[in-house]
Structure formats: C-alpha cells, structure tokens
Amino acid sequence: RGGVYGFDIQPQALALAGERLRLAREEAPAALAPVTLLLQSHAAMAEAVPPAWRGTVAAVMFNLGYLPAGDADKTIITEPQSTLAALEAALALLRPGGIITAVLYPGHEGGGSEAAAVEAWAAGLAQQDAQTIVYRQLQRESAPYVVAVEKRQRG
C-alpha cells in the first residue's frame, strides 16, 4: 500500500537502491509499493512529495552520514542545515501517530555536529506535538544511533 520516495544527491546511491529494488521485485513482484528515487537533497522533500500526502504519511526514515559503498566519496555527507529542513518537512507530512526515524553517525567528521543538531531539534519539539526517543549504545560514543519522533494525535 502507499508509495515510497527516496532522496539522495549521489547517482551511485540511487543506482544501488535501484538495483536492490529490482532484485526484490524479482523475488516478490507484488510485495513492494511503488518507489520513486530522486536525485535531490532530502531538503527538497516538501516540494517533491505530492501535496496530497501532507498529513497522511505513516513513516519517514533518514539514514544520515555518507554512502557506505566501498568506492564512494566519503567526503560527501549529509549536512545539518539540509537535514533540519528535511526533518521539518517530514513532520509536516506525517499523519498523527506517524513516525520519523533518523540513524545518526557521530563517528565521522561532521557527523557529531549533525547528530547534535538533530537531537536539539527533536528535544525542542513541543510535547503536545510529538514525543521523541533516543536509542543509543552508551558504551561506544561514536557508534551510530537512532532518534525517533512520533507525531501526536490532536485532540
């Protein structure tokens, strides 16, 4: 049911995703929803996703950092400014009870500042609008971790 939009600024990332989707469709053709892959920043989400989706989306997932493929340019990373814009757009797209997840990678250069910005954004959301959690391995400060936001029901 529904549909999926994927965003990346690297053609290589979209090619890898496209290949995984092709293989998954070979295994179970009817199991996947329609997927649109866009060579755009996640910050363009509000303009790229159909206006009718506003307030109806069940989940938005972010995997931040850099493309982990062996030959990828690891200096191309997500940035706090575009990520915060994307998070705001995602929150507007969510239906009540919908969830945003963001996997954060503080262990690479730039990752710590982005993780801090995402945490500050999530912590600053009004409790009547959303509830937030952090799922993190406490023994390894540089390990990836998840911030999740659930949009609250309006009464």
C-alpha atoms as a PDB file:
ATOM      1  CA  ARG A   1       0.000   0.000   0.000  1.00  0.00           C
ATOM      2  CA  GLY A   2       1.048   3.554  -0.451  1.00  0.00           C
ATOM      3  CA  GLY A   3       4.262   4.679  -2.044  1.00  0.00           C
ATOM      4  CA  VAL A   4       7.866   5.451  -1.268  1.00  0.00           C
ATOM      5  CA  TYR A   5      10.104   8.372  -2.185  1.00  0.00           C
ATOM      6  CA  GLY A   6      13.879   8.048  -1.882  1.00  0.00           C
ATOM      7  CA  PHE A   7      16.218  11.028  -1.969  1.00  0.00           C
ATOM      8  CA  ASP A   8      19.966  11.236  -2.496  1.00  0.00           C
ATOM      9  CA  ILE A   9      22.378  13.679  -4.081  1.00  0.00           C
ATOM     10  CA  GLN A  10      24.631  10.892  -5.395  1.00  0.00           C
ATOM     11  CA  PRO A  11      23.737   8.934  -8.541  1.00  0.00           C
ATOM     12  CA  GLN A  12      25.702   5.974  -7.151  1.00  0.00           C
ATOM     13  CA  ALA A  13      23.413   5.760  -4.102  1.00  0.00           C
ATOM     14  CA  LEU A  14      20.307   5.778  -6.296  1.00  0.00           C
ATOM     15  CA  ALA A  15      21.810   3.159  -8.623  1.00  0.00           C
ATOM     16  CA  LEU A  16      22.497   0.871  -5.645  1.00  0.00           C
ATOM     17  CA  ALA A  17      18.975   1.387  -4.322  1.00  0.00           C
ATOM     18  CA  GLY A  18      17.513   0.772  -7.776  1.00  0.00           C
ATOM     19  CA  GLU A  19      19.406  -2.500  -8.088  1.00  0.00           C
ATOM     20  CA  ARG A  20      18.202  -3.667  -4.663  1.00  0.00           C
ATOM     21  CA  LEU A  21      14.645  -2.804  -5.637  1.00  0.00           C
ATOM     22  CA  ARG A  22      14.999  -4.684  -8.927  1.00  0.00           C
ATOM     23  CA  LEU A  23      16.204  -7.809  -7.103  1.00  0.00           C
ATOM     24  CA  ALA A  24      13.431  -7.541  -4.508  1.00  0.00           C
ATOM     25  CA  ARG A  25      10.810  -7.220  -7.263  1.00  0.00           C
ATOM     26  CA  GLU A  26      12.180 -10.346  -8.943  1.00  0.00           C
ATOM     27  CA  GLU A  27      11.673 -12.267  -5.700  1.00  0.00           C
ATOM     28  CA  ALA A  28       8.215 -10.899  -4.874  1.00  0.00           C
ATOM     29  CA  PRO A  29       6.812  -8.646  -7.613  1.00  0.00           C
ATOM     30  CA  ALA A  30       3.604  -7.713  -5.796  1.00  0.00           C
ATOM     31  CA  ALA A  31       5.189  -7.170  -2.374  1.00  0.00           C
ATOM     32  CA  LEU A  32       6.660  -3.722  -2.994  1.00  0.00           C
ATOM     33  CA  ALA A  33       4.857  -0.418  -3.130  1.00  0.00           C
ATOM     34  CA  PRO A  34       5.722   1.964  -5.973  1.00  0.00           C
ATOM     35  CA  VAL A  35       9.083   3.647  -5.386  1.00  0.00           C
ATOM     36  CA  THR A  36      10.287   6.965  -6.790  1.00  0.00           C
ATOM     37  CA  LEU A  37      14.026   7.639  -6.494  1.00  0.00           C
ATOM     38  CA  LEU A  38      15.037  11.273  -6.828  1.00  0.00           C
ATOM     39  CA  LEU A  39      18.465  12.769  -7.411  1.00  0.00           C
ATOM     40  CA  GLN A  40      17.764  15.584  -4.952  1.00  0.00           C
ATOM     41  CA  SER A  41      18.592  16.604  -1.425  1.00  0.00           C
ATOM     42  CA  HIS A  42      16.253  15.401   1.279  1.00  0.00           C
ATOM     43  CA  ALA A  43      15.732  19.112   1.968  1.00  0.00           C
ATOM     44  CA  ALA A  44      13.588  19.200  -1.204  1.00  0.00           C
ATOM     45  CA  MET A  45      11.121  16.722   0.294  1.00  0.00           C
ATOM     46  CA  ALA A  46       8.320  19.258   0.824  1.00  0.00           C
ATOM     47  CA  GLU A  47       8.359  20.238  -2.862  1.00  0.00           C
ATOM     48  CA  ALA A  48       8.994  16.763  -4.296  1.00  0.00           C
ATOM     49  CA  VAL A  49       6.355  14.715  -2.479  1.00  0.00           C
ATOM     50  CA  PRO A  50       2.781  15.112  -3.778  1.00  0.00           C
ATOM     51  CA  PRO A  51       0.837  17.797  -1.861  1.00  0.00           C
ATOM     52  CA  ALA A  52      -1.943  15.274  -1.184  1.00  0.00           C
ATOM     53  CA  TRP A  53       0.478  13.346   1.042  1.00  0.00           C
ATOM     54  CA  ARG A  54       0.692  16.186   3.570  1.00  0.00           C
ATOM     55  CA  GLY A  55      -0.608  14.910   6.894  1.00  0.00           C
ATOM     56  CA  THR A  56      -1.049  11.335   5.627  1.00  0.00           C
ATOM     57  CA  VAL A  57       2.423   9.753   5.684  1.00  0.00           C
ATOM     58  CA  ALA A  58       2.980   6.871   8.123  1.00  0.00           C
ATOM     59  CA  ALA A  59       6.788   6.905   8.285  1.00  0.00           C
ATOM     60  CA  VAL A  60       9.816   8.876   7.161  1.00  0.00           C
ATOM     61  CA  MET A  61      13.237   7.306   7.564  1.00  0.00           C
ATOM     62  CA  PHE A  62      16.610   9.032   7.396  1.00  0.00           C
ATOM     63  CA  ASN A  63      19.954   7.259   7.126  1.00  0.00           C
ATOM     64  CA  LEU A  64      22.352  10.164   7.520  1.00  0.00           C
ATOM     65  CA  GLY A  65      26.099  10.424   7.059  1.00  0.00           C
ATOM     66  CA  TYR A  66      27.750   9.228   3.870  1.00  0.00           C
ATOM     67  CA  LEU A  67      27.290   6.480   1.301  1.00  0.00           C
ATOM     68  CA  PRO A  68      28.963   3.403   2.810  1.00  0.00           C
ATOM     69  CA  ALA A  69      29.788   1.748  -0.546  1.00  0.00           C
ATOM     70  CA  GLY A  70      33.458   0.777  -0.836  1.00  0.00           C
ATOM     71  CA  ASP A  71      34.352   3.159  -3.665  1.00  0.00           C
ATOM     72  CA  ALA A  72      32.048   6.035  -2.625  1.00  0.00           C
ATOM     73  CA  ASP A  73      33.384   9.500  -1.873  1.00  0.00           C
ATOM     74  CA  LYS A  74      33.092   9.642   1.914  1.00  0.00           C
ATOM     75  CA  THR A  75      33.589  13.406   1.933  1.00  0.00           C
ATOM     76  CA  ILE A  76      30.059  13.808   0.543  1.00  0.00           C
ATOM     77  CA  ILE A  77      27.994  13.848   3.726  1.00  0.00           C
ATOM     78  CA  THR A  78      24.613  14.996   4.899  1.00  0.00           C
ATOM     79  CA  GLU A  79      24.705  18.459   6.461  1.00  0.00           C
ATOM     80  CA  PRO A  80      22.813  19.804   9.492  1.00  0.00           C
ATOM     81  CA  GLN A  81      21.090  22.632   7.584  1.00  0.00           C
ATOM     82  CA  SER A  82      19.566  20.404   4.893  1.00  0.00           C
ATOM     83  CA  THR A  83      18.781  17.660   7.398  1.00  0.00           C
ATOM     84  CA  LEU A  84      16.877  20.037   9.683  1.00  0.00           C
ATOM     85  CA  ALA A  85      14.887  21.340   6.710  1.00  0.00           C
ATOM     86  CA  ALA A  86      14.083  17.738   5.740  1.00  0.00           C
ATOM     87  CA  LEU A  87      13.025  16.870   9.296  1.00  0.00           C
ATOM     88  CA  GLU A  88      10.631  19.833   9.365  1.00  0.00           C
ATOM     89  CA  ALA A  89       9.180  18.762   6.013  1.00  0.00           C
ATOM     90  CA  ALA A  90       8.863  15.183   7.250  1.00  0.00           C
ATOM     91  CA  LEU A  91       6.998  16.271  10.369  1.00  0.00           C
ATOM     92  CA  ALA A  92       4.515  18.223   8.224  1.00  0.00           C
ATOM     93  CA  LEU A  93       3.971  15.156   6.015  1.00  0.00           C
ATOM     94  CA  LEU A  94       3.297  12.790   8.923  1.00  0.00           C
ATOM     95  CA  ARG A  95      -0.174  11.741   9.955  1.00  0.00           C
ATOM     96  CA  PRO A  96      -0.988  11.643  13.678  1.00  0.00           C
ATOM     97  CA  GLY A  97       0.763   8.557  15.057  1.00  0.00           C
ATOM     98  CA  GLY A  98       3.291   8.648  12.195  1.00  0.00           C
ATOM     99  CA  ILE A  99       6.968   8.153  12.934  1.00  0.00           C
ATOM    100  CA  ILE A 100      10.249   9.698  11.806  1.00  0.00           C
ATOM    101  CA  THR A 101      13.446   7.743  12.409  1.00  0.00           C
ATOM    102  CA  ALA A 102      16.920   9.151  11.857  1.00  0.00           C
ATOM    103  CA  VAL A 103      20.029   6.997  12.050  1.00  0.00           C
ATOM    104  CA  LEU A 104      22.872   9.267  13.136  1.00  0.00           C
ATOM    105  CA  TYR A 105      26.580   8.603  12.661  1.00  0.00           C
ATOM    106  CA  PRO A 106      28.668  10.687  15.080  1.00  0.00           C
ATOM    107  CA  GLY A 107      31.873   8.761  14.302  1.00  0.00           C
ATOM    108  CA  HIS A 108      32.810  10.547  11.065  1.00  0.00           C
ATOM    109  CA  GLU A 109      33.893  14.124  10.502  1.00  0.00           C
ATOM    110  CA  GLY A 110      30.781  16.296  10.530  1.00  0.00           C
ATOM    111  CA  GLY A 111      28.639  13.505  11.933  1.00  0.00           C
ATOM    112  CA  GLY A 112      28.846  14.690  15.530  1.00  0.00           C
ATOM    113  CA  SER A 113      27.609  18.190  14.746  1.00  0.00           C
ATOM    114  CA  GLU A 114      24.776  16.816  12.618  1.00  0.00           C
ATOM    115  CA  ALA A 115      23.784  14.375  15.374  1.00  0.00           C
ATOM    116  CA  ALA A 116      23.765  17.206  17.922  1.00  0.00           C
ATOM    117  CA  ALA A 117      21.604  19.352  15.619  1.00  0.00           C
ATOM    118  CA  VAL A 118      19.088  16.531  15.108  1.00  0.00           C
ATOM    119  CA  GLU A 119      18.918  15.825  18.840  1.00  0.00           C
ATOM    120  CA  ALA A 120      18.423  19.517  19.618  1.00  0.00           C
ATOM    121  CA  TRP A 121      15.652  19.730  17.004  1.00  0.00           C
ATOM    122  CA  ALA A 122      13.891  16.668  18.422  1.00  0.00           C
ATOM    123  CA  ALA A 123      14.293  17.841  22.021  1.00  0.00           C
ATOM    124  CA  GLY A 124      12.828  21.215  21.072  1.00  0.00           C
ATOM    125  CA  LEU A 125       9.572  19.807  19.725  1.00  0.00           C
ATOM    126  CA  ALA A 126       6.589  20.646  21.907  1.00  0.00           C
ATOM    127  CA  GLN A 127       5.333  17.621  23.845  1.00  0.00           C
ATOM    128  CA  GLN A 128       1.777  18.194  22.658  1.00  0.00           C
ATOM    129  CA  ASP A 129       3.032  17.894  19.047  1.00  0.00           C
ATOM    130  CA  ALA A 130       5.434  14.956  19.229  1.00  0.00           C
ATOM    131  CA  GLN A 131       7.199  12.558  21.521  1.00  0.00           C
ATOM    132  CA  THR A 132      10.842  11.721  20.931  1.00  0.00           C
ATOM    133  CA  ILE A 133      13.203   8.965  21.965  1.00  0.00           C
ATOM    134  CA  VAL A 134      16.891   8.173  21.521  1.00  0.00           C
ATOM    135  CA  TYR A 135      18.099   4.598  21.110  1.00  0.00           C
ATOM    136  CA  ARG A 136      21.844   4.516  21.691  1.00  0.00           C
ATOM    137  CA  GLN A 137      24.662   2.222  22.783  1.00  0.00           C
ATOM    138  CA  LEU A 138      26.103   4.047  25.789  1.00  0.00           C
ATOM    139  CA  GLN A 139      29.450   2.232  25.876  1.00  0.00           C
ATOM    140  CA  ARG A 140      30.526   3.476  22.424  1.00  0.00           C
ATOM    141  CA  GLU A 141      30.200   7.230  21.977  1.00  0.00           C
ATOM    142  CA  SER A 142      30.923   7.127  18.233  1.00  0.00           C
ATOM    143  CA  ALA A 143      28.523   4.254  17.438  1.00  0.00           C
ATOM    144  CA  PRO A 144      25.549   5.003  15.171  1.00  0.00           C
ATOM    145  CA  TYR A 145      22.257   5.565  16.981  1.00  0.00           C
ATOM    146  CA  VAL A 146      18.622   6.343  16.306  1.00  0.00           C
ATOM    147  CA  VAL A 147      16.423   9.311  17.138  1.00  0.00           C
ATOM    148  CA  ALA A 148      12.712   8.644  16.669  1.00  0.00           C
ATOM    149  CA  VAL A 149       9.836  11.118  16.645  1.00  0.00           C
ATOM    150  CA  GLU A 150       6.172  10.149  16.848  1.00  0.00           C
ATOM    151  CA  LYS A 151       3.652  12.786  15.843  1.00  0.00           C
ATOM    152  CA  ARG A 152       0.957  13.034  18.478  1.00  0.00           C
ATOM    153  CA  GLN A 153      -2.742  12.739  17.911  1.00  0.00           C
ATOM    154  CA  ARG A 154      -4.504  16.085  18.124  1.00  0.00           C
ATOM    155  CA  GLY A 155      -7.486  16.084  20.432  1.00  0.00           C
END
